[in-house]
Protein backbone atom coordinates (compact mmCIF):
# COMPACT_ATOMS: atom_id res chain seq x y z
CA MET A 1 -0.14 -0.09 -0.01
CA PHE A 2 2.80 2.52 0.82
CA GLU A 3 4.86 1.25 -2.05
CA ALA A 4 4.24 4.85 -4.06
CA LEU A 5 4.68 6.86 -0.94
CA ARG A 6 7.89 4.85 -0.14
CA GLU A 7 9.59 5.43 -3.75
CA LYS A 8 8.36 9.37 -3.68
CA LEU A 9 10.04 9.91 -0.05
CA GLU A 10 13.44 8.21 -1.48
CA SER A 11 13.26 10.08 -4.08
CA ALA A 12 13.34 13.58 -1.88
CA PHE A 13 15.53 12.43 0.05
CA SER A 14 17.98 11.26 -2.84
CA LYS A 15 18.24 15.21 -3.21
CA LEU A 16 19.93 15.87 -0.55
CA ARG A 17 22.83 13.18 -0.90
CA ASN A 18 25.43 15.46 -1.23
CA ARG A 19 24.61 18.13 0.99
CA GLY A 20 27.56 18.50 3.13
CA LYS A 21 25.38 20.73 5.52
CA LEU A 22 21.46 21.15 5.65
CA SER A 23 20.65 24.73 4.57
CA GLU A 24 16.90 25.94 5.45
CA ALA A 25 16.23 25.81 1.82
CA ASP A 26 17.51 22.28 1.83
CA VAL A 27 14.99 21.44 4.35
CA ASP A 28 11.81 23.92 2.69
CA ALA A 29 12.69 22.16 -0.48
CA ALA A 30 12.93 18.71 1.07
CA LEU A 31 9.69 19.17 2.73
CA ARG A 32 7.49 20.18 -0.52
CA GLU A 33 8.46 17.00 -1.97
CA LEU A 34 7.46 15.27 1.57
CA ARG A 35 3.90 17.49 1.34
CA LYS A 36 3.04 16.57 -2.17
CA SER A 37 3.97 12.96 -1.53
CA LEU A 38 1.51 12.97 1.70
CA LEU A 39 -1.59 14.78 0.30
CA GLU A 40 -1.04 12.52 -2.71
CA ALA A 41 -1.50 9.62 -0.23
CA ASP A 42 -4.61 10.90 1.11
CA VAL A 43 -3.28 12.22 4.09
CA ASP A 44 -5.32 14.30 6.00
CA PHE A 45 -4.07 17.93 4.93
CA ARG A 46 -4.16 19.59 8.76
CA VAL A 47 -1.78 15.91 9.90
CA VAL A 48 0.32 17.00 7.15
CA ARG A 49 0.76 20.52 8.25
CA ASP A 50 1.14 19.62 11.64
CA LEU A 51 3.66 17.37 10.82
CA LEU A 52 5.89 19.04 8.49
CA ALA A 53 6.11 21.94 10.71
CA LYS A 54 7.57 19.48 13.71
CA ILE A 55 10.15 17.57 11.04
CA ARG A 56 11.09 21.73 9.75
CA GLU A 57 11.78 22.98 13.12
CA ARG A 58 14.36 19.42 14.28
CA ALA A 59 15.92 19.39 10.83
CA VAL A 60 16.87 23.08 10.99
CA LYS A 61 17.98 23.02 14.59
CA LEU A 62 20.67 20.37 14.26
CA ASP A 63 23.99 20.39 12.38
CA VAL A 64 24.64 17.01 10.30
CA LEU A 65 27.16 15.35 11.54
CA GLU A 66 30.21 14.30 9.45
CA SER A 67 29.72 10.09 9.77
CA ILE A 68 25.90 11.01 8.24
CA THR A 69 24.34 12.56 4.56
CA ALA A 70 22.01 15.70 4.82
CA ALA A 71 19.56 12.87 3.33
CA GLN A 72 20.46 10.64 6.32
CA HIS A 73 19.59 13.17 8.71
CA ILE A 74 16.85 14.60 7.50
CA SER A 75 14.79 10.93 6.63
CA THR A 76 15.40 9.85 10.49
CA VAL A 77 13.53 13.13 11.36
CA VAL A 78 10.88 12.15 9.43
CA TYR A 79 11.04 8.58 10.09
CA GLU A 80 10.96 9.46 14.35
CA GLU A 81 7.63 12.15 13.58
CA LEU A 82 6.04 9.19 11.87
CA ILE A 83 5.80 7.13 14.46
CA ALA A 84 5.17 10.08 16.84
CA LEU A 85 2.19 10.21 14.67
CA MET A 86 1.02 6.81 14.01
CA GLY A 87 1.56 6.37 18.21
CA THR A 88 5.09 5.64 20.19
CA ASP A 89 3.64 2.54 22.33
CA VAL A 90 1.74 -0.58 21.31
CA ALA A 91 -2.16 -0.51 22.31
CA PRO A 92 -2.59 -4.17 23.73
CA LEU A 93 -5.65 -5.42 24.04
CA THR A 94 -7.42 -5.07 27.27
CA ILE A 95 -8.32 -8.29 29.02
CA ALA A 96 -10.96 -8.87 31.37
CA SER A 97 -9.68 -9.45 35.52
CA LYS A 98 -12.69 -11.28 35.49
CA PRO A 99 -13.93 -13.39 32.18
CA PRO A 100 -15.39 -13.04 30.31
CA THR A 101 -14.03 -10.16 28.19
CA VAL A 102 -16.35 -8.72 26.05
CA VAL A 103 -15.44 -7.14 22.39
CA LEU A 104 -17.55 -5.52 20.38
CA MET A 105 -16.73 -5.07 16.25
CA ALA A 106 -18.38 -2.50 14.73
CA GLY A 107 -17.91 -1.07 11.03
CA LEU A 108 -19.76 -0.14 7.72
CA GLN A 109 -19.91 -3.07 5.67
CA GLY A 110 -17.75 -4.10 3.56
CA SER A 111 -14.99 -3.44 5.41
CA GLY A 112 -14.05 -6.90 6.79
CA LYS A 113 -15.14 -6.43 10.00
CA THR A 114 -16.68 -10.34 9.81
CA THR A 115 -13.14 -11.71 8.82
CA THR A 116 -11.42 -9.70 11.30
CA THR A 117 -13.30 -10.52 14.53
CA VAL A 118 -12.51 -14.17 13.05
CA LYS A 119 -8.49 -13.22 12.59
CA LEU A 120 -8.70 -11.48 16.18
CA ALA A 121 -10.06 -14.76 17.83
CA ARG A 122 -7.78 -16.79 16.01
CA ARG A 123 -5.23 -14.63 17.34
CA LEU A 124 -6.53 -15.24 20.79
CA GLN A 125 -6.51 -18.74 20.84
CA ASN A 126 -2.90 -18.88 21.84
CA GLY A 127 -3.93 -18.43 25.59
CA HIS A 128 -6.97 -17.94 25.63
CA SER A 129 -11.05 -19.71 24.49
CA PRO A 130 -12.70 -16.94 21.88
CA LEU A 131 -15.90 -17.78 21.07
CA VAL A 132 -17.41 -15.64 17.93
CA VAL A 133 -21.20 -14.54 17.77
CA ALA A 134 -23.24 -13.88 14.94
CA CYS A 135 -25.24 -10.82 15.54
CA ASP A 136 -25.68 -9.44 12.30
CA LEU A 137 -29.04 -10.41 11.09
CA ARG A 138 -30.19 -8.06 8.68
CA ARG A 139 -27.26 -8.67 5.91
CA PRO A 140 -27.75 -11.80 3.57
CA ALA A 141 -25.36 -15.15 4.71
CA ALA A 142 -23.89 -12.94 7.17
CA VAL A 143 -24.50 -15.41 9.82
CA GLU A 144 -23.14 -18.37 7.37
CA GLN A 145 -20.35 -16.64 6.30
CA LEU A 146 -19.13 -16.14 9.97
CA ARG A 147 -19.90 -19.91 10.89
CA VAL A 148 -17.98 -21.16 7.78
CA LEU A 149 -14.72 -18.91 8.20
CA ALA A 150 -14.77 -19.63 12.54
CA GLY A 151 -14.88 -23.69 10.75
CA GLU A 152 -12.31 -22.41 9.13
CA SER A 153 -10.13 -21.45 11.77
CA LYS A 154 -10.95 -23.65 14.87
CA VAL A 155 -13.24 -21.01 16.45
CA ALA A 156 -16.15 -21.35 18.48
CA PHE A 157 -19.09 -19.99 16.76
CA PHE A 158 -22.38 -19.03 18.19
CA GLY A 159 -25.40 -17.86 15.95
CA PRO A 160 -29.05 -17.00 16.16
CA GLY A 161 -32.13 -19.53 16.00
CA ALA A 162 -33.78 -20.04 12.97
CA GLY A 163 -35.89 -17.17 12.33
CA GLU A 164 -34.18 -14.96 15.02
CA THR A 165 -34.52 -11.44 14.84
CA ASP A 166 -33.78 -10.11 18.05
CA VAL A 167 -30.29 -9.62 18.51
CA LEU A 168 -30.53 -8.40 21.96
CA LYS A 169 -31.94 -12.34 22.62
CA VAL A 170 -28.68 -13.41 20.61
CA VAL A 171 -26.20 -11.33 22.62
CA ARG A 172 -27.59 -12.99 26.14
CA ASP A 173 -28.16 -16.35 25.08
CA ALA A 174 -24.51 -16.15 23.92
CA SER A 175 -23.35 -14.89 27.02
CA ALA A 176 -24.98 -17.78 28.82
CA TRP A 177 -23.24 -19.90 26.50
CA ALA A 178 -19.72 -18.75 26.88
CA GLU A 179 -20.23 -19.08 30.76
CA SER A 180 -21.38 -23.07 30.25
CA HIS A 181 -18.95 -23.88 27.93
CA LEU A 182 -15.66 -21.73 29.24
CA ASN A 183 -14.79 -19.28 26.75
CA ASP A 184 -13.04 -16.50 28.62
CA VAL A 185 -13.91 -14.14 25.34
CA ILE A 186 -16.73 -12.95 24.05
CA LEU A 187 -16.52 -11.35 20.35
CA LEU A 188 -19.81 -9.84 19.27
CA ASP A 189 -19.79 -9.22 15.37
CA THR A 190 -22.27 -6.37 14.71
CA ALA A 191 -24.25 -5.37 11.58
CA GLY A 192 -22.68 -3.25 9.25
CA ARG A 193 -24.26 -0.40 7.05
CA LEU A 194 -23.34 1.18 3.72
CA HIS A 195 -23.00 4.40 5.89
CA VAL A 196 -23.56 5.95 9.46
CA ASP A 197 -27.38 5.79 10.58
CA ARG A 198 -29.17 5.96 13.89
CA GLU A 199 -30.91 2.91 13.99
CA LEU A 200 -26.91 1.34 13.80
CA MET A 201 -25.68 3.50 16.46
CA ASP A 202 -29.05 2.77 18.57
CA GLU A 203 -28.53 -1.25 17.89
CA LEU A 204 -25.52 -0.57 18.69
CA GLY A 205 -26.00 1.06 22.06
CA ALA A 206 -28.61 -1.50 22.89
CA MET A 207 -25.89 -4.14 22.75
CA ALA A 208 -23.49 -2.31 24.73
CA GLN A 209 -25.69 -1.89 27.72
CA THR A 210 -26.87 -6.17 27.26
CA LEU A 211 -23.42 -7.19 27.28
CA PRO A 212 -21.03 -4.19 28.43
CA PRO A 213 -17.40 -4.28 26.29
CA HIS A 214 -14.14 -4.04 27.50
CA GLU A 215 -13.41 -3.36 24.40
CA THR A 216 -15.33 -1.44 21.25
CA LEU A 217 -13.18 -1.82 18.24
CA LEU A 218 -13.84 0.01 14.86
CA VAL A 219 -12.69 -1.81 11.95
CA VAL A 220 -12.05 0.60 9.22
CA ASP A 221 -10.68 -0.17 5.33
CA ALA A 222 -7.79 2.11 4.89
CA MET A 223 -8.84 1.83 1.06
CA THR A 224 -11.24 4.46 1.58
CA GLY A 225 -8.82 7.28 2.40
CA GLN A 226 -10.22 10.35 4.18
CA GLU A 227 -13.35 9.06 4.82
CA ALA A 228 -12.32 7.29 7.08
CA LEU A 229 -11.94 9.62 9.54
CA ASN A 230 -14.95 11.34 9.73
CA VAL A 231 -16.33 7.30 10.31
CA ALA A 232 -14.07 6.90 13.24
CA LYS A 233 -14.99 10.07 14.34
CA SER A 234 -18.88 9.49 14.11
CA PHE A 235 -18.49 5.69 15.88
CA HIS A 236 -16.32 7.71 18.33
CA ALA A 237 -18.91 9.83 19.65
CA LEU A 238 -21.49 7.57 19.55
CA LEU A 239 -20.10 4.50 21.13
CA ASN A 240 -16.90 5.77 22.72
CA LEU A 241 -14.35 3.40 20.75
CA THR A 242 -11.47 2.38 23.09
CA GLY A 243 -9.42 1.18 19.60
CA LEU A 244 -8.98 0.86 15.77
CA VAL A 245 -8.57 -2.12 13.25
CA LEU A 246 -7.30 -0.86 9.89
CA THR A 247 -7.89 -3.11 6.93
CA LYS A 248 -6.38 -4.01 3.44
CA LEU A 249 -2.80 -2.46 4.13
CA ASP A 250 -1.72 -5.04 1.79
CA GLY A 251 -3.47 -3.58 -1.24
CA ASP A 252 -2.48 -1.14 -3.41
CA ALA A 253 -4.59 2.02 -2.95
CA ARG A 254 -2.71 5.09 -1.23
CA GLY A 255 -3.52 4.35 2.59
CA GLY A 256 -3.17 7.91 3.95
CA SER A 257 -5.83 7.29 6.82
CA ALA A 258 -3.61 4.51 8.38
CA LEU A 259 -0.59 7.10 8.80
CA ALA A 260 -3.59 9.83 10.15
CA ILE A 261 -6.53 8.50 11.69
CA ARG A 262 -4.89 8.31 15.34
CA ALA A 263 -3.70 11.96 14.73
CA ALA A 264 -6.69 12.83 14.09
CA THR A 265 -9.50 10.96 16.29
CA GLY A 266 -6.99 10.37 19.18
CA ILE A 267 -8.06 6.50 18.99
CA PRO A 268 -5.26 4.20 19.34
CA VAL A 269 -4.71 1.63 16.59
CA LYS A 270 -4.70 -1.55 17.74
CA PHE A 271 -4.36 -4.38 14.75
CA ALA A 272 -3.54 -3.72 11.22
CA GLY A 273 -4.93 -6.56 8.70
CA MET A 274 -2.43 -7.71 6.36
CA GLY A 275 -4.29 -9.83 3.75
CA GLU A 276 -7.34 -11.74 3.32
CA ALA A 277 -6.31 -14.89 5.53
CA THR A 278 -7.66 -15.44 8.86
CA ASP A 279 -4.18 -15.52 10.26
CA ALA A 280 -3.02 -12.36 8.57
CA LEU A 281 -3.67 -9.91 11.21
CA GLU A 282 -0.90 -8.11 13.13
CA VAL A 283 -0.84 -5.79 16.25
CA PHE A 284 -0.34 -2.25 15.01
CA ASP A 285 3.29 -1.13 16.05
CA ALA A 286 4.39 2.61 14.96
CA LYS A 287 7.40 1.80 15.10
CA ARG A 288 7.42 -1.00 12.76
CA MET A 289 4.99 0.55 9.95
CA ALA A 290 7.52 3.39 10.06
CA GLY A 291 10.51 1.54 9.30
CA ARG A 292 8.12 -0.09 6.03
CA ILE A 293 6.88 3.08 4.88
CA MET A 294 10.64 4.36 4.71
CA GLY A 295 12.25 1.53 2.63
CA MET A 296 13.53 0.64 6.22
CA GLY A 297 12.10 -3.37 6.44
CA ASP A 298 10.72 -5.31 9.20
CA ILE A 299 12.64 -7.42 10.79
CA GLN A 300 10.64 -8.31 13.69
CA GLY A 301 7.78 -9.09 11.52
CA LEU A 302 9.85 -11.43 9.31
CA LEU A 303 10.69 -13.51 12.26
CA GLU A 304 7.65 -13.62 13.51
CA LYS A 305 5.98 -14.99 9.98
CA VAL A 306 8.87 -17.17 9.68
CA GLN A 307 8.19 -18.68 13.57
CA ALA A 308 4.86 -19.22 12.64
CA ALA A 309 5.50 -20.72 8.85
CA GLY A 310 6.44 -24.19 11.35
CA ILE A 311 9.42 -25.56 12.92
CA ASP A 312 8.88 -29.19 11.62
CA ASP A 313 9.76 -28.38 8.11
CA ALA A 314 12.69 -25.80 8.76
CA GLU A 315 14.86 -28.37 11.07
CA GLN A 316 13.67 -31.35 7.99
CA LEU A 317 15.27 -28.50 5.69
CA ALA A 318 18.02 -27.97 7.86
CA ASP A 319 19.01 -31.95 8.47
CA ALA A 320 19.21 -32.13 4.42
CA LEU A 321 22.04 -28.72 4.51
CA GLU A 322 23.89 -30.48 7.48
CA GLY A 323 23.99 -33.11 5.00
CA LYS A 324 26.27 -30.87 2.96
CA GLU A 325 23.51 -32.39 0.07
CA PHE A 326 21.70 -29.13 -1.56
CA THR A 327 19.66 -30.54 -3.92
CA LEU A 328 16.81 -29.76 -5.98
CA GLU A 329 14.66 -31.51 -3.54
CA THR A 330 16.00 -29.43 -0.87
CA LEU A 331 15.29 -26.33 -2.66
CA LEU A 332 11.68 -27.86 -3.36
CA MET A 333 11.63 -27.66 0.48
CA GLN A 334 12.40 -24.10 0.75
CA PHE A 335 9.76 -23.09 -1.54
CA ARG A 336 6.93 -24.85 0.57
CA GLN A 337 8.09 -22.85 3.50
CA MET A 338 8.39 -19.56 1.75
CA GLU A 339 4.99 -20.39 0.48
CA LYS A 340 3.83 -20.23 4.11
CA MET A 341 5.00 -17.09 4.98
CA GLY A 342 2.00 -15.40 2.70
CA PRO A 343 2.63 -13.52 -0.06
CA LEU A 344 6.03 -12.74 -1.50
CA GLY A 345 5.52 -9.23 -2.03
CA ASN A 346 4.75 -8.62 1.66
CA VAL A 347 7.44 -10.84 3.26
CA MET A 348 9.77 -8.97 0.79
CA GLU A 349 9.00 -5.76 1.68
CA MET A 350 10.23 -6.88 5.86
CA ILE A 351 13.50 -7.03 4.07
CA PRO A 352 15.69 -3.97 5.27
CA GLY A 353 16.70 -2.09 1.88
CA PHE A 354 14.51 -4.48 -0.20
CA SER A 355 12.26 -1.86 -1.70
CA ARG A 356 15.15 0.16 -3.52
CA LEU A 357 15.92 -3.18 -5.32
CA LYS A 358 12.50 -3.67 -6.53
CA GLY A 359 12.05 -2.93 -10.04
CA THR A 360 14.93 -4.41 -10.91
CA ASN A 361 15.83 -7.75 -12.45
CA GLU A 362 17.11 -9.40 -10.38
CA ALA A 363 14.49 -8.35 -7.52
CA GLU A 364 11.76 -8.95 -9.42
CA VAL A 365 10.05 -11.97 -6.98
CA SER A 366 6.53 -12.89 -7.35
CA ASP A 367 4.25 -15.60 -5.97
CA ALA A 368 3.20 -16.64 -10.11
CA ILE A 369 7.22 -17.34 -10.31
CA LEU A 370 7.71 -19.27 -7.21
CA LYS A 371 4.62 -21.41 -8.04
CA ARG A 372 5.97 -22.31 -11.82
CA SER A 373 9.80 -23.13 -9.82
CA LYS A 374 7.42 -25.59 -7.78
CA ALA A 375 6.09 -26.61 -10.55
CA ILE A 376 9.07 -27.12 -12.42
CA ILE A 377 10.77 -29.61 -9.60
CA GLN A 378 7.69 -31.25 -9.29
CA SER A 379 7.62 -32.38 -12.84
CA MET A 380 10.95 -34.36 -12.38
CA THR A 381 11.60 -37.88 -11.56
CA PRO A 382 13.19 -38.50 -7.73
CA LEU A 383 16.66 -39.37 -9.84
CA GLU A 384 16.50 -35.66 -11.77
CA ARG A 385 16.16 -34.28 -8.71
CA ARG A 386 18.42 -35.70 -6.78
CA ASN A 387 20.87 -35.57 -9.50
CA PRO A 388 20.40 -32.27 -11.98
CA LYS A 389 23.38 -33.19 -14.01
CA VAL A 390 20.94 -36.41 -15.69
CA ILE A 391 18.80 -33.17 -17.20
CA LYS A 392 19.85 -33.49 -20.50
CA GLY A 393 17.74 -31.88 -23.84
CA SER A 394 15.04 -34.55 -23.95
CA ARG A 395 14.32 -34.57 -20.17
CA ARG A 396 14.32 -30.34 -20.29
CA ARG A 397 11.35 -30.91 -23.33
CA ARG A 398 9.73 -33.77 -20.75
CA ILE A 399 9.81 -31.36 -17.86
CA ALA A 400 8.48 -28.15 -19.68
CA LEU A 401 6.05 -29.92 -21.04
CA GLY A 402 4.38 -31.71 -18.10
CA SER A 403 5.02 -28.30 -15.95
CA GLY A 404 3.48 -26.24 -18.47
CA THR A 405 6.53 -23.86 -18.74
CA SER A 406 9.14 -23.41 -21.68
CA VAL A 407 12.45 -24.89 -21.77
CA GLN A 408 13.79 -21.86 -21.19
CA MET A 409 11.69 -21.21 -18.00
CA VAL A 410 13.59 -25.46 -16.43
CA ASN A 411 17.18 -23.57 -18.13
CA GLN A 412 16.53 -20.33 -16.13
CA LEU A 413 15.41 -22.66 -12.88
CA LEU A 414 18.44 -24.68 -13.25
CA ALA A 415 20.63 -22.28 -13.33
CA GLN A 416 19.00 -20.43 -10.19
CA TYR A 417 19.90 -23.52 -8.68
CA GLU A 418 23.72 -23.59 -9.40
CA GLN A 419 24.13 -20.31 -8.21
CA MET A 420 21.80 -21.09 -5.10
CA LYS A 421 24.48 -24.24 -4.51
CA LYS A 422 27.55 -22.27 -4.82
CA LEU A 423 26.07 -19.69 -2.32
CA TYR A 424 25.33 -23.09 -0.09
CA LYS A 425 28.76 -24.23 -0.59
CA THR A 426 30.15 -20.70 0.67
CA PHE A 427 28.07 -20.61 3.91
CA SER A 428 29.62 -24.19 4.69
CA SER A 429 33.19 -23.45 4.10
CA ALA A 430 32.72 -19.98 6.24
CA GLY A 431 31.30 -22.38 9.06
CA SER A 432 34.53 -24.62 9.53
CA GLY A 433 32.25 -28.15 7.80
CA LYS A 434 29.56 -27.79 9.64
CA GLY A 435 27.07 -26.72 7.16
CA PHE A 436 24.78 -23.75 7.29
CA ASN A 437 22.89 -23.14 10.59
CA LEU A 438 19.47 -22.50 9.14
CA LYS A 439 17.67 -23.76 12.11
CA SER A 440 18.50 -20.56 14.03
CA LEU A 441 17.36 -18.52 11.03
CA PHE A 442 13.91 -20.19 11.67
CA GLY A 443 13.65 -19.43 15.87
CA GLY A 444 14.38 -23.35 16.20
CA ALA A 445 17.73 -24.73 18.79
CA ARG A 446 20.38 -26.83 16.98
CA ARG A 447 19.70 -30.13 18.14
CA SER A 448 23.17 -32.09 19.16
CA ARG A 449 24.61 -33.97 16.41
CA ARG A 450 25.39 -37.94 16.77
CA ARG A 451 29.36 -38.72 16.17
């Protein structure tokens, strides 16, 4: 979502790289580019004005140190002010001292509220027993949608009986069900509307009185632009929101609301939706978000994705590497592990400096290329995977036909494999013959090897 903004920021900073010392004119020129970039990203103009004033005040006061460039100096200031804008501290979810914890999920229709409810419940499964409750009795198939998503995520579900139209009865019955089934967190998936209206607010208010929530979270579509600020203010005035959940941050819209919504409303952003899968929900961390925007990556987020992908495959892969045998089978295992981490574009953006490489042929990575590479290897025989040297002309044509690709693509994969094999040998020799410690990258301790 922030790719266009990131590119424009980097362009603005690049003009300062040869400056030995920052003058007020240099700062003003950079701020003009920054103002234009933020406004084009759909950040509220009042927020932009205040942000730039703070950046200018800091940038003109400090001299550039000999060890850093002017571009590094002002980019650091921008990074720190972006963090302050989005919220310095992570806002944790409130958990009641006496169960159950009640979370009321609100939002407009189409904001991703139902999916987010299941995402949050799935996240809470580690240490809690959540129950999602279908309270949207107006939208066709809303109850069934929540039921299906909850079933796929193995989350407890409670819905209305056949023909039930009283949402308050559903809430009361859900509370009794949670108590008898030891569910310590209740998430209410409420009805949405195409716009904020009195009927919706009255219903939400009645639900809050029937089962008082410890958290009232507004799910906001980050792709709606500045209208998201108005929606948040309207809901907050009537419901006293405790937090926001920004969805569709993996989209290609301008996404300025993600930057400005806390500053404009005073409501903390607690979670961010980074994809459609029910595990694609992150705790909103301003430092990590600012790092992505500035092209600095998100190592912590990358480590979390790696660990969430599962340690078993990583250990199996590490065992293969410890045996000093990097084959196409090993490469296929790596591809499978990468797939578990989510869309490759999102993963690569977490690597520091990768944004500067995107667009070059060497750094062009996509899920389509990964799937194509997997198909090519899967079209090989076990012998060919273990010993690629036997793959000659006729075998390459057969593999291309079986994978739905071309001989040229097969040749490209084999060439890439040889490069990776050489890289592995380099790591192995650097480790005094002990092999590359892949397990440490995946958060697992190496097992002691038998001698």
